[in-house]
C-alpha atoms as a PDB file:
ATOM      1  CA  MET A   1     198.949 198.721 -18.646  1.00  0.00           C
ATOM      2  CA  ILE A   2     198.233 198.876 -22.394  1.00  0.00           C
ATOM      3  CA  THR A   3     201.783 199.990 -23.175  1.00  0.00           C
ATOM      4  CA  SER A   4     203.094 197.068 -21.119  1.00  0.00           C
ATOM      5  CA  VAL A   5     200.996 194.531 -23.041  1.00  0.00           C
ATOM      6  CA  PHE A   6     202.082 195.760 -26.487  1.00  0.00           C
ATOM      7  CA  LYS A   7     205.582 196.905 -25.572  1.00  0.00           C
ATOM      8  CA  LYS A   8     207.041 193.675 -26.931  1.00  0.00           C
ATOM      9  CA  SER A   9     206.033 191.906 -30.115  1.00  0.00           C
ATOM     10  CA  THR A  10     204.887 188.449 -29.004  1.00  0.00           C
ATOM     11  CA  PRO A  11     202.557 185.738 -30.337  1.00  0.00           C
ATOM     12  CA  LEU A  12     200.137 186.776 -27.579  1.00  0.00           C
ATOM     13  CA  ASN A  13     199.895 190.298 -29.043  1.00  0.00           C
ATOM     14  CA  TYR A  14     199.201 189.008 -32.522  1.00  0.00           C
ATOM     15  CA  SER A  15     196.666 186.479 -31.239  1.00  0.00           C
ATOM     16  CA  LEU A  16     194.888 189.160 -29.208  1.00  0.00           C
ATOM     17  CA  VAL A  17     194.636 191.528 -32.170  1.00  0.00           C
ATOM     18  CA  VAL A  18     193.441 188.769 -34.531  1.00  0.00           C
ATOM     19  CA  ILE A  19     190.750 187.742 -32.018  1.00  0.00           C
ATOM     20  CA  LEU A  20     189.638 191.372 -31.668  1.00  0.00           C
ATOM     21  CA  ILE A  21     189.454 191.754 -35.450  1.00  0.00           C
ATOM     22  CA  LEU A  22     187.279 188.644 -35.694  1.00  0.00           C
ATOM     23  CA  VAL A  23     185.025 189.821 -32.866  1.00  0.00           C
ATOM     24  CA  PHE A  24     184.455 193.313 -34.269  1.00  0.00           C
ATOM     25  CA  PHE A  25     184.146 192.065 -37.857  1.00  0.00           C
ATOM     26  CA  PHE A  26     181.403 189.587 -36.957  1.00  0.00           C
ATOM     27  CA  LEU A  27     179.708 192.040 -34.578  1.00  0.00           C
ATOM     28  CA  PHE A  28     179.231 194.309 -37.577  1.00  0.00           C
ATOM     29  CA  GLN A  29     178.322 191.559 -40.061  1.00  0.00           C
ATOM     30  CA  ILE A  30     175.782 189.913 -37.757  1.00  0.00           C
ATOM     31  CA  GLN A  31     173.481 192.925 -38.184  1.00  0.00           C
ATOM     32  CA  ASP A  32     172.446 191.454 -41.530  1.00  0.00           C
ATOM     33  CA  PRO A  33     172.737 187.663 -41.157  1.00  0.00           C
ATOM     34  CA  SER A  34     171.412 186.937 -44.677  1.00  0.00           C
ATOM     35  CA  TRP A  35     174.966 186.208 -45.881  1.00  0.00           C
ATOM     36  CA  ILE A  36     175.118 183.144 -43.617  1.00  0.00           C
ATOM     37  CA  THR A  37     172.682 181.225 -45.833  1.00  0.00           C
ATOM     38  CA  ASN A  38     174.018 182.614 -49.121  1.00  0.00           C
ATOM     39  CA  TYR A  39     177.170 180.861 -50.357  1.00  0.00           C
ATOM     40  CA  PHE A  40     178.286 183.710 -52.612  1.00  0.00           C
ATOM     41  CA  LEU A  41     177.812 186.402 -49.941  1.00  0.00           C
ATOM     42  CA  GLY A  42     179.429 184.132 -47.379  1.00  0.00           C
ATOM     43  CA  PHE A  43     182.483 183.680 -49.609  1.00  0.00           C
ATOM     44  CA  GLN A  44     182.638 187.445 -50.151  1.00  0.00           C
ATOM     45  CA  LYS A  45     182.592 188.136 -46.405  1.00  0.00           C
ATOM     46  CA  VAL A  46     185.329 185.576 -45.792  1.00  0.00           C
ATOM     47  CA  SER A  47     187.462 187.072 -48.582  1.00  0.00           C
ATOM     48  CA  LEU A  48     187.027 190.560 -47.096  1.00  0.00           C
ATOM     49  CA  LEU A  49     188.087 189.246 -43.691  1.00  0.00           C
ATOM     50  CA  CYS A  50     191.167 187.623 -45.254  1.00  0.00           C
ATOM     51  CA  PHE A  51     192.164 190.882 -46.936  1.00  0.00           C
ATOM     52  CA  VAL A  52     191.645 192.802 -43.677  1.00  0.00           C
ATOM     53  CA  LEU A  53     193.844 190.347 -41.772  1.00  0.00           C
ATOM     54  CA  ALA A  54     196.469 190.405 -44.540  1.00  0.00           C
ATOM     55  CA  SER A  55     196.520 194.207 -44.344  1.00  0.00           C
ATOM     56  CA  PHE A  56     197.256 194.042 -40.610  1.00  0.00           C
ATOM     57  CA  PHE A  57     200.261 191.802 -41.089  1.00  0.00           C
ATOM     58  CA  LEU A  58     201.450 193.750 -44.125  1.00  0.00           C
ATOM     59  CA  ILE A  59     201.505 197.101 -42.316  1.00  0.00           C
ATOM     60  CA  ASN A  60     203.311 195.418 -39.418  1.00  0.00           C
ATOM     61  CA  PHE A  61     205.877 194.037 -41.880  1.00  0.00           C
ATOM     62  CA  ILE A  62     206.371 197.490 -43.457  1.00  0.00           C
ATOM     63  CA  ALA A  63     206.985 199.088 -40.059  1.00  0.00           C
ATOM     64  CA  LYS A  64     209.402 196.422 -38.808  1.00  0.00           C
ATOM     65  CA  LYS A  65     211.308 195.812 -42.041  1.00  0.00           C
ATOM     66  CA  ASN A  66     212.075 199.502 -42.625  1.00  0.00           C
ATOM     67  CA  GLY A  67     212.932 200.476 -39.049  1.00  0.00           C
ATOM     68  CA  LEU A  68     209.782 202.578 -38.594  1.00  0.00           C
ATOM     69  CA  SER A  69     208.810 200.663 -35.490  1.00  0.00           C
ATOM     70  CA  LYS A  70     210.659 198.780 -32.801  1.00  0.00           C
ATOM     71  CA  ASP A  71     209.910 195.230 -31.706  1.00  0.00           C
ATOM     72  CA  ASN A  72     206.431 195.922 -30.321  1.00  0.00           C
ATOM     73  CA  GLY A  73     202.755 195.499 -31.163  1.00  0.00           C
ATOM     74  CA  TYR A  74     201.794 199.175 -31.282  1.00  0.00           C
ATOM     75  CA  THR A  75     201.386 199.280 -35.076  1.00  0.00           C
ATOM     76  CA  ILE A  76     198.766 196.559 -35.407  1.00  0.00           C
ATOM     77  CA  PHE A  77     196.915 197.769 -32.313  1.00  0.00           C
ATOM     78  CA  PHE A  78     196.680 201.337 -33.607  1.00  0.00           C
ATOM     79  CA  TYR A  79     195.558 200.032 -37.000  1.00  0.00           C
ATOM     80  CA  LEU A  80     192.717 198.157 -35.309  1.00  0.00           C
ATOM     81  CA  LEU A  81     191.656 201.195 -33.256  1.00  0.00           C
ATOM     82  CA  PHE A  82     191.539 203.471 -36.294  1.00  0.00           C
ATOM     83  CA  ILE A  83     189.524 200.999 -38.371  1.00  0.00           C
ATOM     84  CA  LEU A  84     186.931 200.804 -35.595  1.00  0.00           C
ATOM     85  CA  PHE A  85     186.179 204.490 -36.176  1.00  0.00           C
ATOM     86  CA  PHE A  86     184.494 203.481 -39.437  1.00  0.00           C
ATOM     87  CA  PRO A  87     182.956 199.984 -39.117  1.00  0.00           C
ATOM     88  CA  THR A  88     181.226 200.232 -42.514  1.00  0.00           C
ATOM     89  CA  ILE A  89     184.690 199.611 -43.975  1.00  0.00           C
ATOM     90  CA  PHE A  90     184.055 195.927 -43.249  1.00  0.00           C
ATOM     91  CA  ASN A  91     181.395 195.934 -45.985  1.00  0.00           C
ATOM     92  CA  ASP A  92     183.218 197.985 -48.602  1.00  0.00           C
ATOM     93  CA  SER A  93     185.026 195.490 -50.803  1.00  0.00           C
ATOM     94  CA  ASN A  94     186.391 198.054 -53.284  1.00  0.00           C
ATOM     95  CA  VAL A  95     188.031 200.117 -50.544  1.00  0.00           C
ATOM     96  CA  ILE A  96     189.471 197.053 -48.770  1.00  0.00           C
ATOM     97  CA  TYR A  97     190.945 195.640 -52.003  1.00  0.00           C
ATOM     98  CA  ALA A  98     192.314 199.026 -53.093  1.00  0.00           C
ATOM     99  CA  ASN A  99     193.871 199.599 -49.673  1.00  0.00           C
ATOM    100  CA  PHE A 100     195.605 196.217 -49.775  1.00  0.00           C
ATOM    101  CA  PHE A 101     197.221 197.014 -53.137  1.00  0.00           C
ATOM    102  CA  LEU A 102     198.253 200.447 -51.855  1.00  0.00           C
ATOM    103  CA  LEU A 103     199.964 198.731 -48.928  1.00  0.00           C
ATOM    104  CA  LEU A 104     201.906 196.592 -51.402  1.00  0.00           C
ATOM    105  CA  ALA A 105     202.938 199.782 -53.204  1.00  0.00           C
ATOM    106  CA  LEU A 106     203.914 201.568 -49.983  1.00  0.00           C
ATOM    107  CA  ARG A 107     206.056 198.589 -48.977  1.00  0.00           C
ATOM    108  CA  ARG A 108     208.086 198.966 -52.172  1.00  0.00           C
ATOM    109  CA  LEU A 109     208.357 202.757 -51.976  1.00  0.00           C
ATOM    110  CA  ILE A 110     209.585 202.879 -48.388  1.00  0.00           C
ATOM    111  CA  SER A 111     212.138 200.124 -49.048  1.00  0.00           C
ATOM    112  CA  LEU A 112     213.463 202.227 -51.942  1.00  0.00           C
ATOM    113  CA  GLN A 113     215.822 203.928 -49.475  1.00  0.00           C
ATOM    114  CA  SER A 114     218.082 200.869 -49.623  1.00  0.00           C
ATOM    115  CA  LEU A 115     218.745 201.724 -53.316  1.00  0.00           C
ATOM    116  CA  LYS A 116     218.626 198.010 -54.148  1.00  0.00           C
ATOM    117  CA  SER A 117     216.570 196.992 -57.205  1.00  0.00           C
ATOM    118  CA  SER A 118     215.238 200.549 -57.392  1.00  0.00           C
ATOM    119  CA  LYS A 119     213.775 200.174 -60.896  1.00  0.00           C
ATOM    120  CA  GLU A 120     211.862 197.037 -59.952  1.00  0.00           C
ATOM    121  CA  LYS A 121     210.494 198.750 -56.844  1.00  0.00           C
ATOM    122  CA  ILE A 122     209.361 201.836 -58.764  1.00  0.00           C
ATOM    123  CA  PHE A 123     207.633 199.705 -61.396  1.00  0.00           C
ATOM    124  CA  ASP A 124     206.009 197.447 -58.787  1.00  0.00           C
ATOM    125  CA  ALA A 125     204.764 200.376 -56.701  1.00  0.00           C
ATOM    126  CA  SER A 126     203.306 202.098 -59.764  1.00  0.00           C
ATOM    127  CA  PHE A 127     201.719 198.838 -60.913  1.00  0.00           C
ATOM    128  CA  TRP A 128     200.014 198.179 -57.560  1.00  0.00           C
ATOM    129  CA  ILE A 129     198.772 201.773 -57.312  1.00  0.00           C
ATOM    130  CA  LEU A 130     197.227 201.529 -60.771  1.00  0.00           C
ATOM    131  CA  ILE A 131     195.611 198.203 -59.853  1.00  0.00           C
ATOM    132  CA  ALA A 132     194.177 199.907 -56.729  1.00  0.00           C
ATOM    133  CA  SER A 133     192.799 202.698 -58.938  1.00  0.00           C
ATOM    134  CA  LEU A 134     190.652 200.135 -60.783  1.00  0.00           C
ATOM    135  CA  PHE A 135     188.787 199.592 -57.510  1.00  0.00           C
ATOM    136  CA  GLN A 136     188.834 203.264 -56.405  1.00  0.00           C
ATOM    137  CA  PHE A 137     189.802 205.537 -59.281  1.00  0.00           C
ATOM    138  CA  TRP A 138     191.300 208.457 -57.369  1.00  0.00           C
ATOM    139  CA  CYS A 139     193.860 206.156 -55.788  1.00  0.00           C
ATOM    140  CA  ILE A 140     195.752 207.028 -58.959  1.00  0.00           C
ATOM    141  CA  LEU A 141     196.851 210.167 -57.068  1.00  0.00           C
ATOM    142  CA  PHE A 142     199.225 207.961 -55.084  1.00  0.00           C
ATOM    143  CA  LEU A 143     201.449 207.980 -58.170  1.00  0.00           C
ATOM    144  CA  ILE A 144     202.534 211.351 -56.789  1.00  0.00           C
ATOM    145  CA  LEU A 145     204.153 209.395 -53.972  1.00  0.00           C
ATOM    146  CA  VAL A 146     206.113 207.389 -56.537  1.00  0.00           C
ATOM    147  CA  PHE A 147     207.560 210.569 -58.037  1.00  0.00           C
ATOM    148  CA  ILE A 148     208.298 211.946 -54.552  1.00  0.00           C
ATOM    149  CA  SER A 149     210.231 208.760 -53.816  1.00  0.00           C
ATOM    150  CA  ILE A 150     212.139 209.080 -57.075  1.00  0.00           C
ATOM    151  CA  ILE A 151     213.103 212.656 -56.143  1.00  0.00           C
ATOM    152  CA  PHE A 152     214.323 211.505 -52.721  1.00  0.00           C
ATOM    153  CA  HIS A 153     216.403 208.563 -53.907  1.00  0.00           C
ATOM    154  CA  VAL A 154     217.021 207.985 -57.633  1.00  0.00           C
ATOM    155  CA  SER A 155     216.213 211.184 -59.521  1.00  0.00           C
ATOM    156  CA  ARG A 156     219.425 211.244 -61.569  1.00  0.00           C
ATOM    157  CA  ASP A 157     218.538 208.241 -63.714  1.00  0.00           C
ATOM    158  CA  TYR A 158     215.971 209.396 -66.295  1.00  0.00           C
ATOM    159  CA  ARG A 159     214.726 205.817 -66.754  1.00  0.00           C
ATOM    160  CA  ASN A 160     213.216 205.872 -63.276  1.00  0.00           C
ATOM    161  CA  TRP A 161     210.909 208.716 -64.330  1.00  0.00           C
ATOM    162  CA  VAL A 162     209.608 206.646 -67.248  1.00  0.00           C
ATOM    163  CA  LEU A 163     208.803 203.493 -65.269  1.00  0.00           C
ATOM    164  CA  PRO A 164     205.431 204.703 -63.843  1.00  0.00           C
ATOM    165  CA  PHE A 165     204.243 205.284 -67.422  1.00  0.00           C
ATOM    166  CA  VAL A 166     205.458 201.795 -68.424  1.00  0.00           C
ATOM    167  CA  ALA A 167     203.393 200.432 -65.512  1.00  0.00           C
ATOM    168  CA  LEU A 168     200.415 202.479 -66.735  1.00  0.00           C
ATOM    169  CA  LEU A 169     200.749 200.906 -70.181  1.00  0.00           C
ATOM    170  CA  ALA A 170     200.997 197.413 -68.665  1.00  0.00           C
ATOM    171  CA  VAL A 171     197.920 197.830 -66.469  1.00  0.00           C
ATOM    172  CA  SER A 172     195.971 199.423 -69.346  1.00  0.00           C
ATOM    173  CA  LEU A 173     196.727 196.465 -71.640  1.00  0.00           C
ATOM    174  CA  ILE A 174     195.773 193.951 -68.951  1.00  0.00           C
ATOM    175  CA  PHE A 175     192.556 195.856 -68.226  1.00  0.00           C
ATOM    176  CA  LEU A 176     191.647 196.003 -71.917  1.00  0.00           C
ATOM    177  CA  MET A 177     192.203 192.257 -72.246  1.00  0.00           C
ATOM    178  CA  VAL A 178     189.958 191.626 -69.233  1.00  0.00           C
ATOM    179  CA  SER A 179     187.271 193.936 -70.647  1.00  0.00           C
ATOM    180  CA  LEU A 180     187.318 192.030 -73.951  1.00  0.00           C
ATOM    181  CA  LEU A 181     187.192 188.701 -72.144  1.00  0.00           C
ATOM    182  CA  PHE A 182     184.212 189.668 -69.946  1.00  0.00           C
ATOM    183  CA  HIS A 183     182.522 191.909 -72.530  1.00  0.00           C
ATOM    184  CA  PHE A 184     182.291 195.261 -70.755  1.00  0.00           C
ATOM    185  CA  ASP A 185     183.151 198.773 -71.924  1.00  0.00           C
ATOM    186  CA  ALA A 186     186.545 199.697 -70.455  1.00  0.00           C
ATOM    187  CA  VAL A 187     186.256 203.366 -71.420  1.00  0.00           C
ATOM    188  CA  ALA A 188     182.798 203.713 -69.854  1.00  0.00           C
ATOM    189  CA  PHE A 189     184.092 201.928 -66.737  1.00  0.00           C
ATOM    190  CA  VAL A 190     186.826 204.547 -66.279  1.00  0.00           C
ATOM    191  CA  GLU A 191     184.646 207.530 -67.233  1.00  0.00           C
ATOM    192  CA  LYS A 192     182.048 206.537 -64.655  1.00  0.00           C
ATOM    193  CA  ARG A 193     184.655 206.586 -61.896  1.00  0.00           C
ATOM    194  CA  ALA A 194     186.851 209.483 -63.016  1.00  0.00           C
ATOM    195  CA  VAL A 195     184.491 212.050 -61.524  1.00  0.00           C
ATOM    196  CA  ILE A 196     185.256 214.789 -59.012  1.00  0.00           C
ATOM    197  CA  ASP A 197     182.792 215.475 -56.214  1.00  0.00           C
ATOM    198  CA  LEU A 198     183.815 217.987 -53.549  1.00  0.00           C
ATOM    199  CA  ASN A 199     180.588 217.805 -51.542  1.00  0.00           C
ATOM    200  CA  ILE A 200     180.830 216.370 -48.034  1.00  0.00           C
ATOM    201  CA  ASP A 201     177.179 215.833 -47.155  1.00  0.00           C
ATOM    202  CA  TYR A 202     176.937 212.062 -47.244  1.00  0.00           C
ATOM    203  CA  PHE A 203     176.284 211.441 -43.534  1.00  0.00           C
ATOM    204  CA  LYS A 204     173.381 209.102 -42.802  1.00  0.00           C
ATOM    205  CA  ASN A 205     173.328 210.101 -39.131  1.00  0.00           C
ATOM    206  CA  ASN A 206     175.091 212.271 -36.568  1.00  0.00           C
ATOM    207  CA  TYR A 207     177.241 209.358 -35.412  1.00  0.00           C
ATOM    208  CA  GLU A 208     179.025 209.187 -38.786  1.00  0.00           C
ATOM    209  CA  ASN A 209     179.585 212.930 -38.594  1.00  0.00           C
ATOM    210  CA  GLY A 210     180.913 212.564 -35.053  1.00  0.00           C
ATOM    211  CA  ALA A 211     183.242 209.714 -36.043  1.00  0.00           C
ATOM    212  CA  LEU A 212     184.726 211.846 -38.818  1.00  0.00           C
ATOM    213  CA  SER A 213     185.169 214.825 -36.494  1.00  0.00           C
ATOM    214  CA  ILE A 214     186.936 212.770 -33.814  1.00  0.00           C
ATOM    215  CA  TYR A 215     189.112 211.055 -36.419  1.00  0.00           C
ATOM    216  CA  VAL A 216     190.180 214.397 -37.919  1.00  0.00           C
ATOM    217  CA  ALA A 217     191.122 215.702 -34.454  1.00  0.00           C
ATOM    218  CA  VAL A 218     193.153 212.556 -33.699  1.00  0.00           C
ATOM    219  CA  ALA A 219     194.828 212.701 -37.119  1.00  0.00           C
ATOM    220  CA  LEU A 220     195.822 216.340 -36.651  1.00  0.00           C
ATOM    221  CA  PHE A 221     197.373 215.501 -33.287  1.00  0.00           C
ATOM    222  CA  PHE A 222     199.631 212.774 -34.705  1.00  0.00           C
ATOM    223  CA  VAL A 223     200.496 214.652 -37.909  1.00  0.00           C
ATOM    224  CA  VAL A 224     201.507 217.776 -35.971  1.00  0.00           C
ATOM    225  CA  SER A 225     203.483 215.616 -33.536  1.00  0.00           C
ATOM    226  CA  MET A 226     205.343 213.995 -36.427  1.00  0.00           C
ATOM    227  CA  LEU A 227     206.130 217.307 -38.132  1.00  0.00           C
ATOM    228  CA  MET A 228     207.338 218.914 -34.902  1.00  0.00           C
ATOM    229  CA  THR A 229     209.600 216.035 -33.872  1.00  0.00           C
ATOM    230  CA  LEU A 230     210.874 214.899 -37.275  1.00  0.00           C
ATOM    231  CA  SER A 231     214.143 216.834 -37.041  1.00  0.00           C
ATOM    232  CA  ASN A 232     214.985 215.064 -33.757  1.00  0.00           C
ATOM    233  CA  ARG A 233     214.541 211.563 -35.171  1.00  0.00           C
ATOM    234  CA  PRO A 234     217.345 209.427 -36.671  1.00  0.00           C
ATOM    235  CA  GLN A 235     218.464 210.778 -40.035  1.00  0.00           C
ATOM    236  CA  ILE A 236     218.130 207.371 -41.661  1.00  0.00           C
ATOM    237  CA  VAL A 237     214.310 207.384 -41.334  1.00  0.00           C
ATOM    238  CA  HIS A 238     213.691 211.025 -42.298  1.00  0.00           C
ATOM    239  CA  THR A 239     212.801 210.310 -45.921  1.00  0.00           C
ATOM    240  CA  SER A 240     210.571 207.397 -44.899  1.00  0.00           C
ATOM    241  CA  TYR A 241     208.587 209.567 -42.500  1.00  0.00           C
ATOM    242  CA  LYS A 242     208.347 212.337 -45.099  1.00  0.00           C
ATOM    243  CA  LYS A 243     206.847 209.815 -47.518  1.00  0.00           C
ATOM    244  CA  ILE A 244     204.415 208.670 -44.831  1.00  0.00           C
ATOM    245  CA  VAL A 245     203.266 212.242 -44.179  1.00  0.00           C
ATOM    246  CA  ALA A 246     202.916 212.796 -47.940  1.00  0.00           C
ATOM    247  CA  CYS A 247     200.936 209.554 -48.169  1.00  0.00           C
ATOM    248  CA  PHE A 248     198.519 210.823 -45.517  1.00  0.00           C
ATOM    249  CA  PHE A 249     197.839 214.083 -47.343  1.00  0.00           C
ATOM    250  CA  ILE A 250     197.412 212.294 -50.679  1.00  0.00           C
ATOM    251  CA  ALA A 251     194.865 210.014 -48.975  1.00  0.00           C
ATOM    252  CA  ALA A 252     193.051 213.128 -47.748  1.00  0.00           C
ATOM    253  CA  PHE A 253     192.861 214.420 -51.336  1.00  0.00           C
ATOM    254  CA  VAL A 254     191.552 211.040 -52.518  1.00  0.00           C
ATOM    255  CA  PHE A 255     188.772 211.354 -49.946  1.00  0.00           C
ATOM    256  CA  ILE A 256     187.976 214.951 -50.927  1.00  0.00           C
ATOM    257  CA  LEU A 257     187.870 214.308 -54.685  1.00  0.00           C
ATOM    258  CA  SER A 258     186.088 210.951 -54.753  1.00  0.00           C
ATOM    259  CA  PRO A 259     182.431 210.689 -55.749  1.00  0.00           C
ATOM    260  CA  ASN A 260     180.030 208.546 -53.707  1.00  0.00           C
ATOM    261  CA  LYS A 261     181.780 209.660 -50.547  1.00  0.00           C
ATOM    262  CA  SER A 262     181.671 207.716 -47.330  1.00  0.00           C
ATOM    263  CA  ASN A 263     183.854 207.450 -44.248  1.00  0.00           C
ATOM    264  CA  ASP A 264     185.137 204.174 -45.714  1.00  0.00           C
ATOM    265  CA  LEU A 265     187.433 206.153 -48.037  1.00  0.00           C
ATOM    266  CA  LEU A 266     189.409 207.288 -45.001  1.00  0.00           C
ATOM    267  CA  LEU A 267     190.853 203.765 -44.810  1.00  0.00           C
ATOM    268  CA  PHE A 268     193.568 204.984 -47.193  1.00  0.00           C
ATOM    269  CA  SER A 269     194.699 207.498 -44.575  1.00  0.00           C
ATOM    270  CA  ILE A 270     194.713 204.972 -41.734  1.00  0.00           C
ATOM    271  CA  THR A 271     197.960 203.294 -42.827  1.00  0.00           C
ATOM    272  CA  PRO A 272     200.162 206.419 -42.651  1.00  0.00           C
ATOM    273  CA  LEU A 273     198.336 207.602 -39.538  1.00  0.00           C
ATOM    274  CA  THR A 274     199.003 204.258 -37.847  1.00  0.00           C
ATOM    275  CA  LEU A 275     202.726 204.524 -38.594  1.00  0.00           C
ATOM    276  CA  MET A 276     202.801 208.083 -37.227  1.00  0.00           C
ATOM    277  CA  ALA A 277     200.842 207.092 -34.105  1.00  0.00           C
ATOM    278  CA  SER A 278     203.099 204.135 -33.252  1.00  0.00           C
ATOM    279  CA  SER A 279     206.133 206.340 -33.872  1.00  0.00           C
ATOM    280  CA  HIS A 280     204.700 208.985 -31.532  1.00  0.00           C
ATOM    281  CA  VAL A 281     204.283 206.457 -28.707  1.00  0.00           C
ATOM    282  CA  GLU A 282     207.820 205.139 -29.200  1.00  0.00           C
ATOM    283  CA  TYR A 283     209.296 208.645 -29.355  1.00  0.00           C
ATOM    284  CA  MET A 284     207.467 209.870 -26.253  1.00  0.00           C
ATOM    285  CA  GLN A 285     209.143 207.983 -23.437  1.00  0.00           C
ATOM    286  CA  GLN A 286     206.691 209.195 -20.776  1.00  0.00           C
ATOM    287  CA  LYS A 287     204.629 206.165 -19.833  1.00  0.00           C
ATOM    288  CA  LEU A 288     201.724 208.212 -18.427  1.00  0.00           C
ATOM    289  CA  ASN A 289     201.496 210.213 -21.651  1.00  0.00           C
ATOM    290  CA  ASN A 290     201.383 207.044 -23.735  1.00  0.00           C
ATOM    291  CA  GLU A 291     198.775 205.426 -21.493  1.00  0.00           C
ATOM    292  CA  ILE A 292     196.540 208.493 -21.875  1.00  0.00           C
ATOM    293  CA  VAL A 293     196.920 208.350 -25.666  1.00  0.00           C
ATOM    294  CA  PHE A 294     195.939 204.680 -25.731  1.00  0.00           C
ATOM    295  CA  TYR A 295     192.980 204.968 -23.378  1.00  0.00           C
ATOM    296  CA  VAL A 296     191.575 208.035 -25.142  1.00  0.00           C
ATOM    297  CA  LEU A 297     191.849 206.269 -28.498  1.00  0.00           C
ATOM    298  CA  ILE A 298     190.280 203.080 -27.148  1.00  0.00           C
ATOM    299  CA  CYS A 299     187.322 205.030 -25.741  1.00  0.00           C
ATOM    300  CA  CYS A 300     186.869 206.994 -28.975  1.00  0.00           C
ATOM    301  CA  SER A 301     187.111 203.940 -31.224  1.00  0.00           C
ATOM    302  CA  LEU A 302     184.711 201.841 -29.133  1.00  0.00           C
ATOM    303  CA  PHE A 303     182.217 204.698 -28.887  1.00  0.00           C
ATOM    304  CA  THR A 304     182.253 205.395 -32.626  1.00  0.00           C
ATOM    305  CA  PHE A 305     182.090 201.676 -33.484  1.00  0.00           C
ATOM    306  CA  PHE A 306     179.097 200.771 -31.304  1.00  0.00           C
ATOM    307  CA  SER A 307     177.259 204.030 -32.038  1.00  0.00           C
ATOM    308  CA  GLN A 308     177.263 203.171 -35.752  1.00  0.00           C
ATOM    309  CA  LEU A 309     176.011 199.593 -35.418  1.00  0.00           C
END
């Protein structure tokens, strides 16, 4: 039944997903209703919701535009299910903003396979990744994905290797200007965030631990599925899927290295995992198999969401 509903991309699918996002977002926010009477907090919540919704449509655009998904609603539905594993994401502005800029970067890197405006795409991707790193420092590791993309597509032109450093200079100058304008120490800002913490003992309760464990198991399933079936997929999307797998593992390293850990940091891994999950459902033509995947994920996401309220 689920596969039938989302098998075709229709306004009904988008409307359903948007309504579900609104419902789950406000179910989480209503726990602390103080923001309703505070204009600043209210504006912040609305801005977070706008960025969450924009991320949904952006990942859908990435999948459709680059041939990573057919004309269906699987991508946005999977993205919703994975976010429900970690509802505290809805309160983490830094992670939501950083993830949005990473999506902008991923859009440029995956479209690099067309070889059109390659220099602009490399610069843009590097720029957005560095902007994301201002919100979550270790997002800077996603620059590795830029160099991977250069190796795949445009490695012969030495100027392409220099562009990420040009973007670094541009973002650094902009950041310094902002720090002078608002009178804060730019160096101290970076030093405070450029810290490595390998400890994973941040859980406030067993439900957060359980959500992480289930998510890891689900992620392993889709990653292994992608790696085992990659050779059988159309040659034209091989490099794109390789970049998506690389993106997932870089996101895992961002989570491992980041200080002040929380499950919210796993949002960076949800984008590549969503693309792999929707690809898995499209590749596996067995309807029963796909229905089982959907129903198991729905049960897991709803359980983890409501258990953490």
